[in-house]
C-alpha cells in the first residue's frame, strides 16, 4: 500500500474500520492509513476498488471520531484523537450499470486518464502525456 500512488484494487475493496478485512474487526484498515497520510501531507489521492472510484481529499481534514488505538495525552485520560482524517469522496460503480456500453467505455477511459493525470501532475511534478498513453514526461 503506497500513499499517493495510483491504487487499483482488483476483485476486492479497500478495507476500513467500518468494513474490515477478515480478522481485522475493531482495528483501522488501509483506508484509515491512507486518510491519515493524505491529511498529514495535505494532498489527495485516487483509489479504485471493486465497489467504487474513490478520492481522498487531503486538503480537507476533519477531527477523527474513532481512534483505533492512536490517542493523545490529555486531561481526560487520553480519550481524544490527536490525528485529523482526510475526507473520502466515493462514486459507487453500481451507478454505472445502467449506462450504454459506449458511454461506459468512455467513462472508464476518462477515469483512468484523470487518475494518472492527478498522480503525475500532483505527486511527481511531471507533465502528463496528453496523447493519452498515460506516461509521465518529467521536466
C-alpha atoms as a PDB file:
ATOM      1  CA  UNK A   1       0.000   0.000   0.000  1.00  0.00           C
ATOM      2  CA  UNK A   2       1.642   3.198  -1.187  1.00  0.00           C
ATOM      3  CA  UNK A   3       0.088   6.562  -0.381  1.00  0.00           C
ATOM      4  CA  UNK A   4      -0.016   8.978  -3.328  1.00  0.00           C
ATOM      5  CA  UNK A   5       0.465   6.262  -5.942  1.00  0.00           C
ATOM      6  CA  UNK A   6      -2.489   5.319  -8.171  1.00  0.00           C
ATOM      7  CA  UNK A   7      -4.175   2.481  -6.340  1.00  0.00           C
ATOM      8  CA  UNK A   8      -6.253  -0.086  -8.170  1.00  0.00           C
ATOM      9  CA  UNK A   9      -7.538  -2.957  -6.032  1.00  0.00           C
ATOM     10  CA  UNK A  10      -8.972  -5.673  -8.268  1.00  0.00           C
ATOM     11  CA  UNK A  11     -11.683  -8.060  -7.079  1.00  0.00           C
ATOM     12  CA  UNK A  12     -11.525  -6.608  -3.597  1.00  0.00           C
ATOM     13  CA  UNK A  13     -12.200  -3.425  -1.701  1.00  0.00           C
ATOM     14  CA  UNK A  14     -10.056  -1.112   0.365  1.00  0.00           C
ATOM     15  CA  UNK A  15     -10.645  -2.321   3.915  1.00  0.00           C
ATOM     16  CA  UNK A  16     -11.545   0.051   6.721  1.00  0.00           C
ATOM     17  CA  UNK A  17     -12.553   0.093  10.365  1.00  0.00           C
ATOM     18  CA  UNK A  18     -16.196   0.184   9.254  1.00  0.00           C
ATOM     19  CA  UNK A  19     -15.770  -2.614   6.699  1.00  0.00           C
ATOM     20  CA  UNK A  20     -12.739  -4.569   7.925  1.00  0.00           C
ATOM     21  CA  UNK A  21     -10.718  -7.256   6.224  1.00  0.00           C
ATOM     22  CA  UNK A  22     -11.199 -10.746   7.688  1.00  0.00           C
ATOM     23  CA  UNK A  23      -9.636 -10.944  11.140  1.00  0.00           C
ATOM     24  CA  UNK A  24      -9.258  -7.158  11.448  1.00  0.00           C
ATOM     25  CA  UNK A  25     -12.525  -6.321  13.212  1.00  0.00           C
ATOM     26  CA  UNK A  26     -12.154  -3.407  15.622  1.00  0.00           C
ATOM     27  CA  UNK A  27      -8.945  -2.111  14.045  1.00  0.00           C
ATOM     28  CA  UNK A  28      -8.119   0.516  11.460  1.00  0.00           C
ATOM     29  CA  UNK A  29      -7.738  -0.647   7.900  1.00  0.00           C
ATOM     30  CA  UNK A  30      -5.969   0.567   4.795  1.00  0.00           C
ATOM     31  CA  UNK A  31      -8.476   3.377   4.271  1.00  0.00           C
ATOM     32  CA  UNK A  32      -7.695   4.946   7.659  1.00  0.00           C
ATOM     33  CA  UNK A  33      -3.976   4.689   6.929  1.00  0.00           C
ATOM     34  CA  UNK A  34      -4.450   6.471   3.600  1.00  0.00           C
ATOM     35  CA  UNK A  35      -6.726   9.126   5.138  1.00  0.00           C
ATOM     36  CA  UNK A  36      -4.140   9.898   7.835  1.00  0.00           C
ATOM     37  CA  UNK A  37      -1.316  10.086   5.254  1.00  0.00           C
ATOM     38  CA  UNK A  38      -3.341  12.422   2.994  1.00  0.00           C
ATOM     39  CA  UNK A  39      -4.333  14.692   5.894  1.00  0.00           C
ATOM     40  CA  UNK A  40      -0.743  14.821   7.153  1.00  0.00           C
ATOM     41  CA  UNK A  41       0.630  15.766   3.728  1.00  0.00           C
ATOM     42  CA  UNK A  42      -2.324  17.959   2.720  1.00  0.00           C
ATOM     43  CA  UNK A  43      -2.504  16.033  -0.566  1.00  0.00           C
ATOM     44  CA  UNK A  44      -5.147  13.924  -2.227  1.00  0.00           C
ATOM     45  CA  UNK A  45      -5.055  10.560  -3.915  1.00  0.00           C
ATOM     46  CA  UNK A  46      -7.285   8.370  -6.041  1.00  0.00           C
ATOM     47  CA  UNK A  47      -8.132   4.721  -5.455  1.00  0.00           C
ATOM     48  CA  UNK A  48     -10.280   2.251  -7.352  1.00  0.00           C
ATOM     49  CA  UNK A  49     -11.647  -0.898  -5.805  1.00  0.00           C
ATOM     50  CA  UNK A  50     -14.374  -3.386  -6.680  1.00  0.00           C
ATOM     51  CA  UNK A  51     -17.120  -1.115  -5.302  1.00  0.00           C
ATOM     52  CA  UNK A  52     -16.159   2.465  -6.092  1.00  0.00           C
ATOM     53  CA  UNK A  53     -13.889   5.092  -7.531  1.00  0.00           C
ATOM     54  CA  UNK A  54     -12.591   6.965  -4.531  1.00  0.00           C
ATOM     55  CA  UNK A  55     -10.792  10.217  -3.919  1.00  0.00           C
ATOM     56  CA  UNK A  56      -9.183  11.043  -0.583  1.00  0.00           C
ATOM     57  CA  UNK A  57      -9.106  14.831  -0.275  1.00  0.00           C
ATOM     58  CA  UNK A  58      -6.113  15.719   1.878  1.00  0.00           C
ATOM     59  CA  UNK A  59      -6.857  19.431   1.621  1.00  0.00           C
ATOM     60  CA  UNK A  60      -9.972  18.907   3.750  1.00  0.00           C
ATOM     61  CA  UNK A  61      -9.358  17.091   7.014  1.00  0.00           C
ATOM     62  CA  UNK A  62     -11.759  16.631   9.924  1.00  0.00           C
ATOM     63  CA  UNK A  63     -11.190  15.583  13.515  1.00  0.00           C
ATOM     64  CA  UNK A  64     -11.068  11.850  13.827  1.00  0.00           C
ATOM     65  CA  UNK A  65     -14.092  10.379  15.587  1.00  0.00           C
ATOM     66  CA  UNK A  66     -12.709   6.890  16.286  1.00  0.00           C
ATOM     67  CA  UNK A  67      -9.140   6.490  17.439  1.00  0.00           C
ATOM     68  CA  UNK A  68      -8.274   2.879  16.756  1.00  0.00           C
ATOM     69  CA  UNK A  69      -5.581   2.941  19.426  1.00  0.00           C
ATOM     70  CA  UNK A  70      -3.986   6.272  18.438  1.00  0.00           C
ATOM     71  CA  UNK A  71      -4.718   8.619  21.304  1.00  0.00           C
ATOM     72  CA  UNK A  72      -3.257  11.881  22.537  1.00  0.00           C
ATOM     73  CA  UNK A  73      -2.116  12.662  26.034  1.00  0.00           C
ATOM     74  CA  UNK A  74      -4.962  14.677  27.505  1.00  0.00           C
ATOM     75  CA  UNK A  75      -6.512  15.619  30.805  1.00  0.00           C
ATOM     76  CA  UNK A  76      -9.420  13.225  30.316  1.00  0.00           C
ATOM     77  CA  UNK A  77      -7.308  10.073  30.207  1.00  0.00           C
ATOM     78  CA  UNK A  78      -6.466  10.077  26.505  1.00  0.00           C
ATOM     79  CA  UNK A  79      -9.947   9.757  25.032  1.00  0.00           C
ATOM     80  CA  UNK A  80      -9.332  12.226  22.204  1.00  0.00           C
ATOM     81  CA  UNK A  81      -7.569  11.520  18.957  1.00  0.00           C
ATOM     82  CA  UNK A  82      -4.524  13.525  18.019  1.00  0.00           C
ATOM     83  CA  UNK A  83      -4.870  12.998  14.276  1.00  0.00           C
ATOM     84  CA  UNK A  84      -7.067  14.533  11.621  1.00  0.00           C
ATOM     85  CA  UNK A  85      -8.568  12.403   8.883  1.00  0.00           C
ATOM     86  CA  UNK A  86      -8.866  13.384   5.220  1.00  0.00           C
ATOM     87  CA  UNK A  87     -12.341  13.368   3.648  1.00  0.00           C
ATOM     88  CA  UNK A  88     -13.193  10.428   1.357  1.00  0.00           C
ATOM     89  CA  UNK A  89     -15.365  11.034  -1.703  1.00  0.00           C
ATOM     90  CA  UNK A  90     -16.787   7.996  -3.496  1.00  0.00           C
ATOM     91  CA  UNK A  91     -18.552   7.263  -6.735  1.00  0.00           C
ATOM     92  CA  UNK A  92     -20.172   3.854  -6.470  1.00  0.00           C
ATOM     93  CA  UNK A  93     -19.580   1.674  -9.538  1.00  0.00           C
ATOM     94  CA  UNK A  94     -23.078   0.190  -9.386  1.00  0.00           C
ATOM     95  CA  UNK A  95     -24.377   3.584 -10.565  1.00  0.00           C
ATOM     96  CA  UNK A  96     -22.659   2.922 -13.912  1.00  0.00           C
ATOM     97  CA  UNK A  97     -24.576  -0.289 -14.647  1.00  0.00           C
ATOM     98  CA  UNK A  98     -27.419   1.451 -16.453  1.00  0.00           C
ATOM     99  CA  UNK A  99     -25.173   3.282 -18.909  1.00  0.00           C
ATOM    100  CA  UNK A 100     -24.951   2.248 -22.570  1.00  0.00           C
ATOM    101  CA  UNK A 101     -21.755   0.321 -23.373  1.00  0.00           C
ATOM    102  CA  UNK A 102     -20.189   3.112 -25.444  1.00  0.00           C
ATOM    103  CA  UNK A 103     -20.762   5.628 -22.656  1.00  0.00           C
ATOM    104  CA  UNK A 104     -19.339   3.220 -20.083  1.00  0.00           C
ATOM    105  CA  UNK A 105     -16.196   2.727 -22.211  1.00  0.00           C
ATOM    106  CA  UNK A 106     -15.782   6.498 -22.435  1.00  0.00           C
ATOM    107  CA  UNK A 107     -16.243   6.946 -18.669  1.00  0.00           C
ATOM    108  CA  UNK A 108     -13.616   4.280 -17.939  1.00  0.00           C
ATOM    109  CA  UNK A 109     -11.090   5.913 -20.274  1.00  0.00           C
ATOM    110  CA  UNK A 110     -11.702   9.324 -18.724  1.00  0.00           C
ATOM    111  CA  UNK A 111     -11.459   7.965 -15.165  1.00  0.00           C
ATOM    112  CA  UNK A 112      -8.182   6.191 -15.933  1.00  0.00           C
ATOM    113  CA  UNK A 113      -6.691   9.306 -17.536  1.00  0.00           C
ATOM    114  CA  UNK A 114      -7.894  11.517 -14.673  1.00  0.00           C
ATOM    115  CA  UNK A 115      -6.312   9.106 -12.168  1.00  0.00           C
ATOM    116  CA  UNK A 116      -2.979   9.138 -13.992  1.00  0.00           C
ATOM    117  CA  UNK A 117      -3.118  12.896 -14.516  1.00  0.00           C
ATOM    118  CA  UNK A 118      -3.648  13.503 -10.784  1.00  0.00           C
ATOM    119  CA  UNK A 119      -0.799  11.157  -9.954  1.00  0.00           C
ATOM    120  CA  UNK A 120       1.643  12.679 -12.448  1.00  0.00           C
ATOM    121  CA  UNK A 121       0.680  16.303 -12.057  1.00  0.00           C
ATOM    122  CA  UNK A 122       0.472  16.389  -8.270  1.00  0.00           C
ATOM    123  CA  UNK A 123       2.764  13.661  -6.989  1.00  0.00           C
ATOM    124  CA  UNK A 124       5.859  13.780  -9.128  1.00  0.00           C
ATOM    125  CA  UNK A 125       5.814  17.267 -10.645  1.00  0.00           C
ATOM    126  CA  UNK A 126       5.789  15.968 -14.191  1.00  0.00           C
ATOM    127  CA  UNK A 127       3.815  16.767 -17.304  1.00  0.00           C
ATOM    128  CA  UNK A 128       1.037  14.386 -18.289  1.00  0.00           C
ATOM    129  CA  UNK A 129       1.295  12.903 -21.745  1.00  0.00           C
ATOM    130  CA  UNK A 130      -1.817  14.403 -23.348  1.00  0.00           C
ATOM    131  CA  UNK A 131      -1.551  11.897 -26.200  1.00  0.00           C
ATOM    132  CA  UNK A 132      -3.471   9.515 -23.944  1.00  0.00           C
ATOM    133  CA  UNK A 133      -0.695   6.991 -23.297  1.00  0.00           C
ATOM    134  CA  UNK A 134      -0.761   7.669 -19.569  1.00  0.00           C
ATOM    135  CA  UNK A 135       3.012   8.108 -19.391  1.00  0.00           C
ATOM    136  CA  UNK A 136       4.645  10.834 -17.363  1.00  0.00           C
ATOM    137  CA  UNK A 137       7.216  13.047 -19.027  1.00  0.00           C
ATOM    138  CA  UNK A 138       9.451  14.510 -16.279  1.00  0.00           C
ATOM    139  CA  UNK A 139      10.580  18.141 -16.686  1.00  0.00           C
END
